[in-house]
């Protein structure tokens, strides 16, 4: 009997516990079902306005000058003085460096003496020519007299009144005077040749004199234009060799910005330039913006580059900028039709955004056209989209949980 009770008792106790639990649960208060409300996210939006707008293109440029000179020495000379340093602004014709001019002055004096000598020889040749012409007339008269004496001697010899010796003497006098007349005539005939030779020597010596004068002028190194010094390669006391570098400088009035433009924009930019349209741009320098303009495109693409270099004119007031300085350039491209401007915060991924329709998000596709200057440049972009029309609202807040159908509440709307 005891064994039966020990076997049955656990089951009785378990059944009693289950019964008591069910009774307590059934007699307790009933839970009411909680009603769950959908959350609405506060966001900012922008109203769509399709317009014809000019996109912008961000470039990185470098200040250059097409007139950058490297002044070299034209002769061998010692450096006496140097009056400029790197970074100095200079005016056209200003003395930059002075070379020793002693040798140049001596050479110039020698050439001047040679020139005076040739000029004197030319003057002497002209006088000689005049004398030869006058003497030629005298020689002709003397020859006539000699021939007359010869004729008289021959007549006397024939009449036995004169001797043969007198005839021979007269013949000798005629021959001698004929020779003198021939020599005088040759001297007159050779006058143009001698004069031409002297004049040729005069030109040669004159050229050497001018060269010596030029070398003397070259001992003073002058600024070829208004510019800034970028390098000084020599100091007082150094020996400048012919062709050695002295000073580097560039013309401040011709500085320009050189920036590489991607190939996909070249066609429309070339079209604008060929039609004479202005292609403006903005460069950021020292925390300020200056207006520049595309002047021309390079005629050559270097190997490995993905675009063509464009050259932008700088205002003359910006002539003190450093050569080689890099700066950001925002190029204004030709206008695009039916595009909309959106801030960077409106773009999700590479080419999508969210339109707000009846308080809920609807994903739309975008086609990027370019950047757009609106306030702080570089933060807005231009897009095309067949999913958007005028007055549509586009989400401009960056929501980490943005999905289609998400409920939002527009608290700020930009027009």
Protein backbone atom coordinates (compact mmCIF):
# COMPACT_ATOMS: atom_id res chain seq x y z
CA UNK A 1 0.00 0.00 0.00
CA UNK A 2 2.81 2.38 0.93
CA UNK A 3 4.53 1.66 -2.34
CA UNK A 4 1.40 2.63 -4.31
CA UNK A 5 1.09 5.92 -2.44
CA UNK A 6 4.76 6.81 -3.11
CA UNK A 7 4.24 6.16 -6.83
CA UNK A 8 0.96 8.05 -7.23
CA UNK A 9 1.69 11.06 -4.97
CA UNK A 10 4.00 12.97 -7.37
CA UNK A 11 1.42 12.84 -10.14
CA UNK A 12 -1.27 14.11 -7.80
CA UNK A 13 0.86 17.03 -6.70
CA UNK A 14 1.75 17.96 -10.34
CA UNK A 15 -1.90 17.86 -11.35
CA UNK A 16 -2.88 20.00 -8.38
CA UNK A 17 -0.19 22.60 -9.28
CA UNK A 18 -1.37 22.81 -12.89
CA UNK A 19 -4.96 23.23 -11.76
CA UNK A 20 -4.08 26.00 -9.32
CA UNK A 21 -1.99 27.85 -12.09
CA UNK A 22 -4.84 27.71 -14.56
CA UNK A 23 -7.29 28.98 -12.00
CA UNK A 24 -5.07 31.89 -11.05
CA UNK A 25 -4.51 32.86 -14.73
CA UNK A 26 -8.17 32.72 -15.57
CA UNK A 27 -9.09 34.86 -12.62
CA UNK A 28 -6.44 37.62 -13.39
CA UNK A 29 -7.07 40.89 -15.35
CA UNK A 30 -7.09 40.64 -19.13
CA UNK A 31 -4.33 42.58 -21.13
CA UNK A 32 -5.62 45.06 -23.66
CA UNK A 33 -3.95 45.01 -27.11
CA UNK A 34 -1.57 48.04 -27.57
CA UNK A 35 -2.20 50.24 -30.61
CA UNK A 36 1.14 50.92 -32.53
CA UNK A 37 1.48 54.40 -34.21
CA UNK A 38 3.80 55.01 -37.32
CA UNK A 39 6.68 57.49 -36.76
CA UNK A 40 7.11 60.53 -39.04
CA UNK A 41 10.66 61.88 -39.62
CA UNK A 42 11.21 65.67 -39.78
CA UNK A 43 13.16 66.54 -42.94
CA UNK A 44 14.15 69.42 -45.21
CA UNK A 45 13.23 69.56 -48.88
CA UNK A 46 13.77 71.65 -52.01
CA UNK A 47 11.19 72.49 -54.65
CA UNK A 48 12.08 71.42 -58.20
CA UNK A 49 12.43 74.20 -60.77
CA UNK A 50 13.49 73.04 -64.24
CA UNK A 51 15.53 75.79 -65.93
CA UNK A 52 18.27 76.46 -68.47
CA UNK A 53 21.34 76.65 -66.24
CA UNK A 54 25.08 76.75 -66.82
CA UNK A 55 26.91 73.93 -65.06
CA UNK A 56 30.33 74.46 -63.58
CA UNK A 57 33.44 72.32 -63.69
CA UNK A 58 35.99 72.23 -60.91
CA UNK A 59 39.59 72.25 -62.16
CA UNK A 60 43.00 72.67 -60.63
CA UNK A 61 45.22 75.18 -62.38
CA UNK A 62 48.76 76.48 -62.25
CA UNK A 63 49.92 80.06 -62.80
CA UNK A 64 52.27 80.35 -65.79
CA UNK A 65 53.62 83.03 -68.09
CA UNK A 66 54.27 82.58 -71.82
CA UNK A 67 56.95 85.28 -71.48
CA UNK A 68 59.41 83.78 -69.04
CA UNK A 69 62.96 84.88 -69.89
CA UNK A 70 66.28 83.33 -68.93
CA UNK A 71 68.86 86.09 -69.34
CA UNK A 72 72.31 84.84 -70.35
CA UNK A 73 75.71 86.47 -70.71
CA UNK A 74 76.71 87.41 -74.27
CA UNK A 75 80.43 87.69 -73.42
CA UNK A 76 83.06 86.66 -70.92
CA UNK A 77 83.28 89.25 -68.15
CA UNK A 78 83.47 89.64 -64.38
CA UNK A 79 80.30 90.54 -62.47
CA UNK A 80 80.61 93.95 -60.82
CA UNK A 81 77.19 94.52 -59.22
CA UNK A 82 73.82 92.80 -58.88
CA UNK A 83 70.91 95.04 -57.88
CA UNK A 84 68.03 92.53 -57.67
CA UNK A 85 67.05 89.53 -55.58
CA UNK A 86 64.63 86.66 -56.05
CA UNK A 87 61.03 87.89 -55.81
CA UNK A 88 61.79 91.52 -56.67
CA UNK A 89 59.41 93.34 -59.02
CA UNK A 90 61.26 95.18 -61.80
CA UNK A 91 60.34 97.69 -64.50
CA UNK A 92 61.22 97.50 -68.18
CA UNK A 93 64.71 98.93 -68.79
CA UNK A 94 65.74 98.69 -65.13
CA UNK A 95 69.38 97.68 -64.53
CA UNK A 96 69.51 94.18 -63.08
CA UNK A 97 73.21 93.35 -63.22
CA UNK A 98 76.44 95.10 -64.29
CA UNK A 99 79.37 93.27 -65.90
CA UNK A 100 82.92 94.61 -66.16
CA UNK A 101 83.10 96.69 -69.36
CA UNK A 102 86.89 97.32 -69.50
CA UNK A 103 87.63 94.74 -72.22
CA UNK A 104 84.61 95.84 -74.20
CA UNK A 105 85.72 99.48 -74.13
CA UNK A 106 89.22 98.56 -75.30
CA UNK A 107 87.86 96.49 -78.16
CA UNK A 108 85.53 99.32 -79.12
CA UNK A 109 88.44 101.80 -79.16
CA UNK A 110 90.45 99.46 -81.40
CA UNK A 111 87.57 99.06 -83.85
CA UNK A 112 87.00 102.81 -83.90
CA UNK A 113 90.68 103.37 -84.79
CA UNK A 114 90.51 100.79 -87.57
CA UNK A 115 87.39 102.46 -88.89
CA UNK A 116 89.08 105.88 -88.91
CA UNK A 117 92.04 104.39 -90.78
CA UNK A 118 89.84 102.90 -93.51
CA UNK A 119 87.92 106.16 -93.86
CA UNK A 120 91.24 107.99 -94.33
CA UNK A 121 92.31 105.48 -96.97
CA UNK A 122 89.07 105.99 -98.86
CA UNK A 123 89.58 109.73 -98.79
CA UNK A 124 93.17 109.24 -100.03
CA UNK A 125 91.99 106.99 -102.85
CA UNK A 126 89.54 109.60 -104.02
CA UNK A 127 92.28 112.25 -104.02
CA UNK A 128 94.59 109.90 -105.89
CA UNK A 129 91.91 109.36 -108.52
CA UNK A 130 91.58 113.12 -109.07
CA UNK A 131 95.37 113.46 -109.38
CA UNK A 132 95.55 110.57 -111.84
CA UNK A 133 92.91 112.20 -114.01
CA UNK A 134 94.82 115.50 -114.01
CA UNK A 135 98.16 113.80 -114.70
CA UNK A 136 96.59 111.76 -117.49
CA UNK A 137 95.82 114.98 -119.36
CA UNK A 138 99.43 116.13 -118.87
CA UNK A 139 100.76 112.77 -120.07
CA UNK A 140 98.62 113.04 -123.19
CA UNK A 141 100.13 116.45 -123.97
CA UNK A 142 103.64 115.15 -123.34
CA UNK A 143 103.00 112.20 -125.64
CA UNK A 144 101.80 114.57 -128.36
CA UNK A 145 104.97 116.65 -127.98
CA UNK A 146 107.13 113.51 -128.08
CA UNK A 147 105.46 112.37 -131.27
CA UNK A 148 105.98 115.81 -132.79
CA UNK A 149 109.70 115.70 -131.94
CA UNK A 150 109.93 112.21 -133.44
CA UNK A 151 108.35 113.36 -136.65
CA UNK A 152 110.72 116.34 -136.89
CA UNK A 153 113.76 114.11 -136.19
CA UNK A 154 112.69 111.68 -138.91
CA UNK A 155 112.27 114.52 -141.39
CA UNK A 156 115.71 115.90 -140.56
CA UNK A 157 117.25 112.47 -140.86
CA UNK A 158 115.70 112.02 -144.29
CA UNK A 159 117.09 115.39 -145.46
CA UNK A 160 120.51 114.53 -144.05
CA UNK A 161 120.15 117.45 -141.65
CA UNK A 162 119.77 115.27 -138.61
CA UNK A 163 121.29 112.09 -137.28
CA UNK A 164 119.76 108.69 -136.67
CA UNK A 165 120.66 109.07 -133.03
CA UNK A 166 118.21 111.94 -132.73
CA UNK A 167 115.52 109.75 -134.26
CA UNK A 168 116.26 106.95 -131.80
CA UNK A 169 116.15 109.38 -128.88
CA UNK A 170 112.81 110.70 -130.06
CA UNK A 171 111.45 107.16 -130.48
CA UNK A 172 112.55 106.32 -126.93
CA UNK A 173 110.80 109.44 -125.60
CA UNK A 174 107.56 108.48 -127.40
CA UNK A 175 107.71 104.93 -126.06
CA UNK A 176 108.41 106.10 -122.50
CA UNK A 177 105.57 108.63 -122.59
CA UNK A 178 103.21 106.05 -124.09
CA UNK A 179 104.08 103.70 -121.21
CA UNK A 180 103.46 106.44 -118.64
CA UNK A 181 100.10 107.20 -120.24
CA UNK A 182 99.15 103.52 -120.16
CA UNK A 183 100.13 103.22 -116.49
CA UNK A 184 98.12 106.34 -115.69
CA UNK A 185 95.10 104.96 -117.55
CA UNK A 186 95.36 101.65 -115.71
CA UNK A 187 95.48 103.53 -112.42
CA UNK A 188 92.33 105.39 -113.40
CA UNK A 189 90.62 102.19 -114.54
CA UNK A 190 91.52 100.40 -111.27
CA UNK A 191 90.10 103.19 -109.13
CA UNK A 192 86.57 101.65 -108.82
CA UNK A 193 88.09 98.30 -107.76
CA UNK A 194 90.34 99.85 -105.14
CA UNK A 195 87.50 101.99 -103.87
CA UNK A 196 85.17 98.99 -103.68
CA UNK A 197 87.79 97.06 -101.70
CA UNK A 198 88.22 99.92 -99.27
CA UNK A 199 84.46 100.29 -98.86
CA UNK A 200 84.13 96.56 -98.20
CA UNK A 201 86.81 96.83 -95.51
CA UNK A 202 84.94 99.84 -94.18
CA UNK A 203 81.75 97.78 -93.85
CA UNK A 204 83.57 94.92 -92.17
CA UNK A 205 85.34 97.18 -89.69
CA UNK A 206 82.10 99.12 -89.15
CA UNK A 207 80.31 95.87 -88.35
CA UNK A 208 83.11 94.93 -85.94
CA UNK A 209 82.80 98.37 -84.35
CA UNK A 210 79.02 97.94 -83.99
CA UNK A 211 79.55 94.48 -82.51
CA UNK A 212 82.02 95.90 -80.00
CA UNK A 213 79.52 98.64 -79.15
CA UNK A 214 76.80 96.00 -78.74
CA UNK A 215 79.03 94.00 -76.42
CA UNK A 216 79.65 97.12 -74.39
CA UNK A 217 75.89 97.63 -74.08
CA UNK A 218 75.51 93.98 -73.07
CA UNK A 219 77.67 94.51 -70.03
CA UNK A 220 74.61 96.19 -68.51
CA UNK A 221 71.81 93.63 -68.07
CA UNK A 222 68.41 95.35 -68.35
CA UNK A 223 64.90 94.08 -67.66
CA UNK A 224 63.19 93.33 -71.00
CA UNK A 225 59.71 93.99 -69.53
CA UNK A 226 57.85 94.66 -66.31
CA UNK A 227 58.18 91.48 -64.31
CA UNK A 228 59.35 89.59 -61.26
CA UNK A 229 62.66 87.88 -60.61
CA UNK A 230 62.46 84.11 -60.13
CA UNK A 231 66.17 83.26 -59.94
CA UNK A 232 69.59 84.96 -59.73
CA UNK A 233 72.33 82.57 -60.84
CA UNK A 234 75.44 84.72 -60.32
CA UNK A 235 76.91 87.12 -57.75
CA UNK A 236 79.41 90.02 -57.79
CA UNK A 237 82.95 88.70 -58.19
CA UNK A 238 81.91 85.70 -60.29
CA UNK A 239 83.16 85.26 -63.84
CA UNK A 240 80.32 85.13 -66.36
CA UNK A 241 81.03 82.90 -69.32
CA UNK A 242 79.44 83.40 -72.71
CA UNK A 243 76.02 81.73 -72.62
CA UNK A 244 75.92 81.22 -68.85
CA UNK A 245 72.65 81.88 -67.02
CA UNK A 246 72.42 85.16 -65.15
CA UNK A 247 68.83 85.96 -64.15
CA UNK A 248 65.38 84.40 -64.65
CA UNK A 249 62.24 86.54 -64.70
CA UNK A 250 58.70 86.54 -66.09
CA UNK A 251 56.39 89.24 -67.39
CA UNK A 252 53.69 89.97 -64.84
CA UNK A 253 51.29 91.42 -67.42
CA UNK A 254 51.07 88.13 -69.34
CA UNK A 255 50.49 85.68 -66.49
CA UNK A 256 47.73 83.14 -67.06
CA UNK A 257 46.22 80.05 -65.45
CA UNK A 258 46.80 76.68 -67.08
CA UNK A 259 44.37 73.89 -66.18
CA UNK A 260 43.58 70.53 -67.76
CA UNK A 261 40.03 70.19 -69.10
CA UNK A 262 38.57 66.65 -69.46
CA UNK A 263 37.96 65.47 -73.03
CA UNK A 264 34.17 65.16 -72.63
CA UNK A 265 33.82 68.94 -72.27
CA UNK A 266 36.09 69.95 -75.15
CA UNK A 267 33.52 69.92 -77.96
CA UNK A 268 31.17 72.43 -76.37
CA UNK A 269 34.03 74.63 -75.18
CA UNK A 270 35.60 74.71 -78.66
CA UNK A 271 32.20 75.61 -80.09
CA UNK A 272 31.85 78.51 -77.67
CA UNK A 273 35.35 79.80 -78.40
CA UNK A 274 34.88 79.54 -82.16
CA UNK A 275 31.63 81.50 -81.90
CA UNK A 276 33.34 84.22 -79.91
CA UNK A 277 31.38 83.51 -76.74
CA UNK A 278 32.89 84.25 -73.38
CA UNK A 279 33.73 81.27 -71.19
CA UNK A 280 34.12 82.72 -67.69
CA UNK A 281 35.62 81.01 -64.68
CA UNK A 282 36.37 81.80 -61.06
CA UNK A 283 39.71 81.20 -59.37
CA UNK A 284 40.16 81.04 -55.62
CA UNK A 285 43.30 82.89 -54.49
CA UNK A 286 44.22 83.74 -50.90
CA UNK A 287 40.67 83.25 -49.68
CA UNK A 288 39.15 85.50 -52.35
CA UNK A 289 37.65 84.90 -55.76
CA UNK A 290 38.76 86.52 -59.01
CA UNK A 291 37.05 86.31 -62.39
CA UNK A 292 39.14 84.80 -65.19
CA UNK A 293 38.27 83.84 -68.77
CA UNK A 294 39.18 80.91 -71.00
CA UNK A 295 41.40 82.27 -73.76
CA UNK A 296 42.49 79.23 -75.77
CA UNK A 297 43.05 75.48 -75.72
CA UNK A 298 46.38 73.72 -76.13
CA UNK A 299 47.16 72.16 -79.48
CA UNK A 300 48.74 69.02 -78.06
CA UNK A 301 47.76 66.29 -75.59
CA UNK A 302 50.67 64.85 -73.68
CA UNK A 303 50.96 61.06 -73.40
CA UNK A 304 48.99 59.65 -70.48
CA UNK A 305 46.78 62.72 -70.01
CA UNK A 306 42.99 62.58 -70.14
CA UNK A 307 42.32 66.08 -71.39
CA UNK A 308 43.57 69.24 -73.04
CA UNK A 309 45.15 72.15 -71.21
CA UNK A 310 43.13 75.34 -71.20
CA UNK A 311 44.67 78.79 -70.74
CA UNK A 312 42.77 81.42 -68.75
CA UNK A 313 43.55 85.14 -68.79
CA UNK A 314 44.30 86.72 -65.43
CA UNK A 315 43.34 90.34 -64.69
CA UNK A 316 46.29 92.74 -64.93
CA UNK A 317 45.66 93.69 -61.32
CA UNK A 318 46.78 90.19 -60.33
CA UNK A 319 50.30 90.57 -61.71
CA UNK A 320 52.05 89.93 -58.39
CA UNK A 321 51.07 86.27 -58.18
CA UNK A 322 53.83 83.70 -57.88
CA UNK A 323 54.71 81.69 -60.96
CA UNK A 324 53.92 77.99 -60.53
CA UNK A 325 51.30 78.55 -57.85
CA UNK A 326 48.39 76.09 -57.87
CA UNK A 327 44.82 77.18 -57.38
CA UNK A 328 41.25 75.93 -57.70
CA UNK A 329 39.33 76.99 -60.81
CA UNK A 330 35.55 76.81 -61.29
CA UNK A 331 34.82 76.87 -65.03
CA UNK A 332 31.35 77.91 -66.22
CA UNK A 333 30.22 75.61 -69.05
CA UNK A 334 27.65 76.43 -71.77
CA UNK A 335 24.00 76.34 -70.63
CA UNK A 336 22.07 73.06 -70.34
CA UNK A 337 18.29 72.94 -70.91
CA UNK A 338 15.66 71.58 -68.48
CA UNK A 339 17.95 70.82 -65.59
CA UNK A 340 17.49 71.19 -61.84
CA UNK A 341 19.91 72.18 -59.12
CA UNK A 342 20.21 70.03 -56.01
CA UNK A 343 22.52 70.25 -52.99
CA UNK A 344 24.91 67.42 -52.27
CA UNK A 345 22.77 66.27 -49.33
CA UNK A 346 19.89 65.45 -51.71
CA UNK A 347 21.86 62.82 -53.61
CA UNK A 348 21.84 59.22 -52.43
CA UNK A 349 24.46 56.99 -53.96
CA UNK A 350 25.71 58.15 -57.34
CA UNK A 351 22.53 58.89 -59.26
CA UNK A 352 19.37 58.80 -57.15
CA UNK A 353 17.28 60.97 -54.82
CA UNK A 354 13.95 60.81 -52.96
CA UNK A 355 10.84 62.67 -54.01
CA UNK A 356 8.32 63.44 -51.28
CA UNK A 357 4.86 62.41 -52.42
CA UNK A 358 1.94 62.59 -49.97
CA UNK A 359 4.29 62.63 -47.01
CA UNK A 360 6.22 59.53 -48.09
CA UNK A 361 9.53 58.98 -49.87
CA UNK A 362 9.64 57.83 -53.46
CA UNK A 363 13.02 56.98 -55.03
CA UNK A 364 13.85 58.71 -58.36
CA UNK A 365 16.77 58.37 -60.78
CA UNK A 366 19.06 61.28 -61.67
CA UNK A 367 21.48 62.02 -64.53
CA UNK A 368 24.33 64.23 -63.38
CA UNK A 369 25.08 67.14 -65.73
CA UNK A 370 27.72 68.97 -63.72
CA UNK A 371 28.36 71.09 -60.68
CA UNK A 372 26.49 74.31 -60.07
CA UNK A 373 27.47 77.49 -58.30
CA UNK A 374 24.78 78.25 -55.77
CA UNK A 375 26.09 79.82 -52.60
CA UNK A 376 29.21 77.90 -51.61
CA UNK A 377 30.48 76.62 -54.92
CA UNK A 378 31.00 72.93 -55.32
CA UNK A 379 28.17 71.95 -52.93
CA UNK A 380 25.37 71.92 -55.54
CA UNK A 381 25.03 69.95 -58.75
CA UNK A 382 22.86 69.99 -61.87
CA UNK A 383 20.77 66.95 -62.85
CA UNK A 384 18.25 65.74 -65.37
CA UNK A 385 15.45 63.39 -64.36
CA UNK A 386 12.37 62.11 -66.17
CA UNK A 387 10.89 61.28 -62.74
CA UNK A 388 10.73 64.92 -61.60
CA UNK A 389 8.77 67.95 -62.73
CA UNK A 390 8.33 71.53 -61.58
CA UNK A 391 7.22 72.06 -57.97
CA UNK A 392 8.00 68.49 -56.92
CA UNK A 393 9.62 68.28 -53.51
CA UNK A 394 12.96 66.50 -53.19
CA UNK A 395 14.43 65.37 -49.88
CA UNK A 396 17.59 67.32 -48.96
CA UNK A 397 18.23 65.76 -45.53
CA UNK A 398 20.58 62.81 -45.31
CA UNK A 399 18.58 60.06 -43.57
CA UNK A 400 20.54 56.89 -42.78
CA UNK A 401 17.29 54.87 -42.87
CA UNK A 402 15.88 56.45 -46.04
CA UNK A 403 13.80 53.91 -47.98
CA UNK A 404 10.82 54.10 -50.27
CA UNK A 405 7.57 54.58 -48.37
CA UNK A 406 9.19 56.10 -45.28
CA UNK A 407 6.88 58.68 -43.74
CA UNK A 408 8.41 62.17 -43.45
CA UNK A 409 7.31 65.59 -42.35
CA UNK A 410 8.75 68.58 -44.27
CA UNK A 411 9.83 71.22 -41.73
CA UNK A 412 11.83 73.42 -44.15
CA UNK A 413 11.37 73.87 -47.87
CA UNK A 414 13.89 75.70 -50.12
CA UNK A 415 12.53 77.29 -53.25
